[in-house]
Amino acid sequence: MEKLNGKIGRFGAAAFFLVSISCGPYSFNPGGAGAKSIAIPLFENETTQFGVREALTDSVSFRFLSDNTLKIAPAGTAELLLSGTILRYERLPHTFDASQQVKQYVVNVWAKVSVVNQKDKKTVWEAEELLGFGIYDALSETEEEGKARAVAKLAEDIVNRTVRGW
């Protein structure tokens, strides 16, 4: 039995070594073609909704920092440039109770977004109308919470499209 445990131990160590070297550094960054940095200027805002451009810019920046695939850099030195415009903001009833009172609202935020490789001036990806939405309870939550969810969803989609090419 001791002989068998020794073989399993050596096999386990060899298997671990092979798996660890085969899972070395790998990047899902398709559009950047090896890009390591991105600039994220403040989003433009074509809506009357106060604070949404700062919230979206901050959320996108935070997600890139958390993802750690691309480093955030100034526009003059970054390999990629993300630019965007918030096109529309709306709050609509989402669900109703039995007496037709609004039970939940949904906040929708649409943005036009593009990522350009600054070296060759080629567009990595762009979307004319990217939607982020956030649902919140009419009785226990505020529109701000719905807006925060919509912005977070939009930021997640922007980062995923940039680093994973979805």
C-alpha atoms as a PDB file:
ATOM      1  CA  MET A   1       0.000   0.000   0.000  1.00  0.00           C
ATOM      2  CA  GLU A   2       2.851   2.376   0.818  1.00  0.00           C
ATOM      3  CA  LYS A   3       4.307   1.737  -2.662  1.00  0.00           C
ATOM      4  CA  LEU A   4       0.943   2.645  -4.224  1.00  0.00           C
ATOM      5  CA  ASN A   5       0.661   5.878  -2.182  1.00  0.00           C
ATOM      6  CA  GLY A   6       4.144   6.892  -3.359  1.00  0.00           C
ATOM      7  CA  LYS A   7       3.162   6.413  -7.003  1.00  0.00           C
ATOM      8  CA  ILE A   8      -0.056   8.354  -6.516  1.00  0.00           C
ATOM      9  CA  GLY A   9       1.859  11.129  -4.784  1.00  0.00           C
ATOM     10  CA  ARG A  10       4.353  11.393  -7.645  1.00  0.00           C
ATOM     11  CA  PHE A  11       1.533  11.200 -10.200  1.00  0.00           C
ATOM     12  CA  GLY A  12      -0.455  13.866  -8.332  1.00  0.00           C
ATOM     13  CA  ALA A  13       2.560  16.168  -8.191  1.00  0.00           C
ATOM     14  CA  ALA A  14       3.252  15.656 -11.907  1.00  0.00           C
ATOM     15  CA  ALA A  15      -0.392  16.262 -12.772  1.00  0.00           C
ATOM     16  CA  PHE A  16      -0.431  19.419 -10.676  1.00  0.00           C
ATOM     17  CA  PHE A  17       2.735  20.660 -12.398  1.00  0.00           C
ATOM     18  CA  LEU A  18       1.334  20.015 -15.886  1.00  0.00           C
ATOM     19  CA  VAL A  19      -1.964  21.704 -15.075  1.00  0.00           C
ATOM     20  CA  SER A  20      -0.266  24.708 -13.494  1.00  0.00           C
ATOM     21  CA  ILE A  21       2.044  25.340 -16.474  1.00  0.00           C
ATOM     22  CA  SER A  22      -0.763  24.824 -18.981  1.00  0.00           C
ATOM     23  CA  CYS A  23      -2.880  27.386 -17.121  1.00  0.00           C
ATOM     24  CA  GLY A  24      -0.248  30.089 -17.310  1.00  0.00           C
ATOM     25  CA  PRO A  25      -0.921  33.692 -18.242  1.00  0.00           C
ATOM     26  CA  TYR A  26      -3.771  33.969 -20.690  1.00  0.00           C
ATOM     27  CA  SER A  27      -5.602  37.043 -21.824  1.00  0.00           C
ATOM     28  CA  PHE A  28      -9.179  37.242 -23.017  1.00  0.00           C
ATOM     29  CA  ASN A  29      -8.390  40.658 -24.467  1.00  0.00           C
ATOM     30  CA  PRO A  30      -9.331  40.149 -28.132  1.00  0.00           C
ATOM     31  CA  GLY A  31      -9.748  43.686 -29.400  1.00  0.00           C
ATOM     32  CA  GLY A  32      -6.726  45.157 -27.806  1.00  0.00           C
ATOM     33  CA  ALA A  33      -4.493  42.663 -29.638  1.00  0.00           C
ATOM     34  CA  GLY A  34      -2.141  42.659 -26.702  1.00  0.00           C
ATOM     35  CA  ALA A  35      -3.109  46.094 -25.416  1.00  0.00           C
ATOM     36  CA  LYS A  36      -2.312  46.616 -21.782  1.00  0.00           C
ATOM     37  CA  SER A  37      -3.912  49.996 -21.065  1.00  0.00           C
ATOM     38  CA  ILE A  38      -7.128  51.916 -21.604  1.00  0.00           C
ATOM     39  CA  ALA A  39      -8.159  55.536 -21.149  1.00  0.00           C
ATOM     40  CA  ILE A  40     -11.649  56.242 -19.806  1.00  0.00           C
ATOM     41  CA  PRO A  41     -12.606  59.906 -20.153  1.00  0.00           C
ATOM     42  CA  LEU A  42     -15.800  61.205 -18.571  1.00  0.00           C
ATOM     43  CA  PHE A  43     -18.881  60.040 -20.471  1.00  0.00           C
ATOM     44  CA  GLU A  44     -20.914  62.663 -22.313  1.00  0.00           C
ATOM     45  CA  ASN A  45     -24.507  63.101 -21.135  1.00  0.00           C
ATOM     46  CA  GLU A  46     -27.361  63.942 -23.482  1.00  0.00           C
ATOM     47  CA  THR A  47     -29.958  63.473 -20.748  1.00  0.00           C
ATOM     48  CA  THR A  48     -31.188  65.794 -18.029  1.00  0.00           C
ATOM     49  CA  GLN A  49     -30.389  63.194 -15.362  1.00  0.00           C
ATOM     50  CA  PHE A  50     -27.904  64.671 -12.890  1.00  0.00           C
ATOM     51  CA  GLY A  51     -24.904  62.574 -11.885  1.00  0.00           C
ATOM     52  CA  VAL A  52     -25.391  59.701 -14.303  1.00  0.00           C
ATOM     53  CA  ARG A  53     -22.278  60.458 -16.383  1.00  0.00           C
ATOM     54  CA  GLU A  54     -20.056  60.493 -13.286  1.00  0.00           C
ATOM     55  CA  ALA A  55     -21.691  57.343 -11.945  1.00  0.00           C
ATOM     56  CA  LEU A  56     -21.172  55.463 -15.223  1.00  0.00           C
ATOM     57  CA  THR A  57     -17.589  56.666 -15.672  1.00  0.00           C
ATOM     58  CA  ASP A  58     -16.749  55.679 -12.080  1.00  0.00           C
ATOM     59  CA  SER A  59     -18.463  52.301 -12.418  1.00  0.00           C
ATOM     60  CA  VAL A  60     -16.663  51.467 -15.677  1.00  0.00           C
ATOM     61  CA  SER A  61     -13.319  52.531 -14.174  1.00  0.00           C
ATOM     62  CA  PHE A  62     -13.927  50.463 -11.028  1.00  0.00           C
ATOM     63  CA  ARG A  63     -14.818  47.390 -13.095  1.00  0.00           C
ATOM     64  CA  PHE A  64     -11.670  47.706 -15.201  1.00  0.00           C
ATOM     65  CA  LEU A  65      -9.625  48.018 -12.011  1.00  0.00           C
ATOM     66  CA  SER A  66     -11.342  44.930 -10.558  1.00  0.00           C
ATOM     67  CA  ASP A  67     -10.979  42.932 -13.782  1.00  0.00           C
ATOM     68  CA  ASN A  68      -7.256  43.811 -13.972  1.00  0.00           C
ATOM     69  CA  THR A  69      -6.929  42.799 -17.644  1.00  0.00           C
ATOM     70  CA  LEU A  70      -6.257  46.376 -18.761  1.00  0.00           C
ATOM     71  CA  LYS A  71      -4.623  49.115 -16.731  1.00  0.00           C
ATOM     72  CA  ILE A  72      -6.238  52.554 -16.685  1.00  0.00           C
ATOM     73  CA  ALA A  73      -3.965  55.237 -18.124  1.00  0.00           C
ATOM     74  CA  PRO A  74      -4.224  58.838 -19.331  1.00  0.00           C
ATOM     75  CA  ALA A  75      -5.587  59.315 -22.864  1.00  0.00           C
ATOM     76  CA  GLY A  76      -2.188  60.408 -24.170  1.00  0.00           C
ATOM     77  CA  THR A  77      -0.428  57.200 -23.153  1.00  0.00           C
ATOM     78  CA  ALA A  78      -3.157  54.509 -23.201  1.00  0.00           C
ATOM     79  CA  GLU A  79      -3.257  52.025 -26.057  1.00  0.00           C
ATOM     80  CA  LEU A  80      -7.071  51.950 -26.102  1.00  0.00           C
ATOM     81  CA  LEU A  81      -9.531  54.810 -25.750  1.00  0.00           C
ATOM     82  CA  LEU A  82     -13.047  54.146 -24.476  1.00  0.00           C
ATOM     83  CA  SER A  83     -15.515  56.901 -25.231  1.00  0.00           C
ATOM     84  CA  GLY A  84     -19.214  57.053 -24.604  1.00  0.00           C
ATOM     85  CA  THR A  85     -22.334  59.149 -24.538  1.00  0.00           C
ATOM     86  CA  ILE A  86     -25.366  58.546 -22.362  1.00  0.00           C
ATOM     87  CA  LEU A  87     -28.245  58.843 -24.804  1.00  0.00           C
ATOM     88  CA  ARG A  88     -31.367  58.263 -22.732  1.00  0.00           C
ATOM     89  CA  TYR A  89     -32.509  57.740 -19.175  1.00  0.00           C
ATOM     90  CA  GLU A  90     -35.970  56.597 -18.188  1.00  0.00           C
ATOM     91  CA  ARG A  91     -37.866  55.249 -15.204  1.00  0.00           C
ATOM     92  CA  LEU A  92     -40.930  53.133 -15.989  1.00  0.00           C
ATOM     93  CA  PRO A  93     -43.394  51.028 -14.002  1.00  0.00           C
ATOM     94  CA  HIS A  94     -42.261  47.405 -14.179  1.00  0.00           C
ATOM     95  CA  THR A  95     -44.756  45.355 -12.160  1.00  0.00           C
ATOM     96  CA  PHE A  96     -48.103  46.054 -10.510  1.00  0.00           C
ATOM     97  CA  ASP A  97     -49.934  44.573  -7.528  1.00  0.00           C
ATOM     98  CA  ALA A  98     -53.538  43.303  -7.580  1.00  0.00           C
ATOM     99  CA  SER A  99     -54.937  46.807  -7.116  1.00  0.00           C
ATOM    100  CA  GLN A 100     -52.879  48.111 -10.079  1.00  0.00           C
ATOM    101  CA  GLN A 101     -50.441  50.044  -7.876  1.00  0.00           C
ATOM    102  CA  VAL A 102     -46.828  50.067  -9.062  1.00  0.00           C
ATOM    103  CA  LYS A 103     -44.918  47.371  -7.216  1.00  0.00           C
ATOM    104  CA  GLN A 104     -41.571  47.762  -9.001  1.00  0.00           C
ATOM    105  CA  TYR A 105     -39.962  50.306 -11.306  1.00  0.00           C
ATOM    106  CA  VAL A 106     -37.234  49.788 -13.877  1.00  0.00           C
ATOM    107  CA  VAL A 107     -34.565  52.358 -14.677  1.00  0.00           C
ATOM    108  CA  ASN A 108     -33.156  52.126 -18.219  1.00  0.00           C
ATOM    109  CA  VAL A 109     -29.947  53.830 -19.282  1.00  0.00           C
ATOM    110  CA  TRP A 110     -28.849  53.752 -22.932  1.00  0.00           C
ATOM    111  CA  ALA A 111     -25.348  54.661 -24.046  1.00  0.00           C
ATOM    112  CA  LYS A 112     -23.371  54.857 -27.253  1.00  0.00           C
ATOM    113  CA  VAL A 113     -19.914  53.397 -26.598  1.00  0.00           C
ATOM    114  CA  SER A 114     -16.787  52.753 -28.630  1.00  0.00           C
ATOM    115  CA  VAL A 115     -13.284  51.501 -27.981  1.00  0.00           C
ATOM    116  CA  VAL A 116     -10.560  52.596 -30.400  1.00  0.00           C
ATOM    117  CA  ASN A 117      -6.990  51.385 -30.652  1.00  0.00           C
ATOM    118  CA  GLN A 118      -5.051  54.652 -30.518  1.00  0.00           C
ATOM    119  CA  LYS A 119      -2.013  53.255 -32.368  1.00  0.00           C
ATOM    120  CA  ASP A 120      -3.749  52.322 -35.602  1.00  0.00           C
ATOM    121  CA  LYS A 121      -6.983  54.311 -35.061  1.00  0.00           C
ATOM    122  CA  LYS A 122      -9.057  51.166 -35.665  1.00  0.00           C
ATOM    123  CA  THR A 123     -12.310  50.638 -33.812  1.00  0.00           C
ATOM    124  CA  VAL A 124     -12.063  47.618 -31.547  1.00  0.00           C
ATOM    125  CA  TRP A 125     -15.821  47.598 -30.946  1.00  0.00           C
ATOM    126  CA  GLU A 126     -18.741  49.987 -30.850  1.00  0.00           C
ATOM    127  CA  ALA A 127     -22.404  49.918 -29.921  1.00  0.00           C
ATOM    128  CA  GLU A 128     -24.917  52.546 -30.970  1.00  0.00           C
ATOM    129  CA  GLU A 129     -27.340  51.756 -28.106  1.00  0.00           C
ATOM    130  CA  LEU A 130     -26.128  49.676 -25.202  1.00  0.00           C
ATOM    131  CA  LEU A 131     -28.775  49.218 -22.486  1.00  0.00           C
ATOM    132  CA  GLY A 132     -28.293  48.930 -18.755  1.00  0.00           C
ATOM    133  CA  PHE A 133     -31.341  48.391 -16.550  1.00  0.00           C
ATOM    134  CA  GLY A 134     -32.064  48.253 -12.855  1.00  0.00           C
ATOM    135  CA  ILE A 135     -35.256  47.139 -11.135  1.00  0.00           C
ATOM    136  CA  TYR A 136     -36.165  48.444  -7.707  1.00  0.00           C
ATOM    137  CA  ASP A 137     -39.033  47.990  -5.259  1.00  0.00           C
ATOM    138  CA  ALA A 138     -41.417  50.978  -5.201  1.00  0.00           C
ATOM    139  CA  LEU A 139     -42.055  50.759  -1.453  1.00  0.00           C
ATOM    140  CA  SER A 140     -38.679  49.958   0.029  1.00  0.00           C
ATOM    141  CA  GLU A 141     -36.092  51.335  -2.411  1.00  0.00           C
ATOM    142  CA  THR A 142     -35.340  54.556  -4.259  1.00  0.00           C
ATOM    143  CA  GLU A 143     -34.813  55.501  -7.882  1.00  0.00           C
ATOM    144  CA  GLU A 144     -31.150  56.051  -7.008  1.00  0.00           C
ATOM    145  CA  GLU A 145     -30.842  52.336  -6.225  1.00  0.00           C
ATOM    146  CA  GLY A 146     -32.425  51.476  -9.565  1.00  0.00           C
ATOM    147  CA  LYS A 147     -30.088  53.917 -11.328  1.00  0.00           C
ATOM    148  CA  ALA A 148     -27.078  52.377  -9.570  1.00  0.00           C
ATOM    149  CA  ARG A 149     -28.123  48.894 -10.758  1.00  0.00           C
ATOM    150  CA  ALA A 150     -28.645  50.126 -14.329  1.00  0.00           C
ATOM    151  CA  VAL A 151     -25.246  51.833 -14.355  1.00  0.00           C
ATOM    152  CA  ALA A 152     -23.559  48.731 -12.883  1.00  0.00           C
ATOM    153  CA  LYS A 153     -25.122  46.501 -15.546  1.00  0.00           C
ATOM    154  CA  LEU A 154     -24.060  48.876 -18.305  1.00  0.00           C
ATOM    155  CA  ALA A 155     -20.510  49.068 -16.917  1.00  0.00           C
ATOM    156  CA  GLU A 156     -20.304  45.278 -16.698  1.00  0.00           C
ATOM    157  CA  ASP A 157     -21.359  44.941 -20.339  1.00  0.00           C
ATOM    158  CA  ILE A 158     -18.820  47.559 -21.457  1.00  0.00           C
ATOM    159  CA  VAL A 159     -15.940  45.838 -19.665  1.00  0.00           C
ATOM    160  CA  ASN A 160     -16.976  42.393 -20.903  1.00  0.00           C
ATOM    161  CA  ARG A 161     -17.172  43.562 -24.515  1.00  0.00           C
ATOM    162  CA  THR A 162     -13.771  45.198 -24.199  1.00  0.00           C
ATOM    163  CA  VAL A 163     -11.788  42.423 -22.520  1.00  0.00           C
ATOM    164  CA  ARG A 164     -13.697  39.330 -23.590  1.00  0.00           C
ATOM    165  CA  GLY A 165     -15.140  40.288 -26.956  1.00  0.00           C
ATOM    166  CA  TRP A 166     -18.723  39.259 -26.149  1.00  0.00           C
END
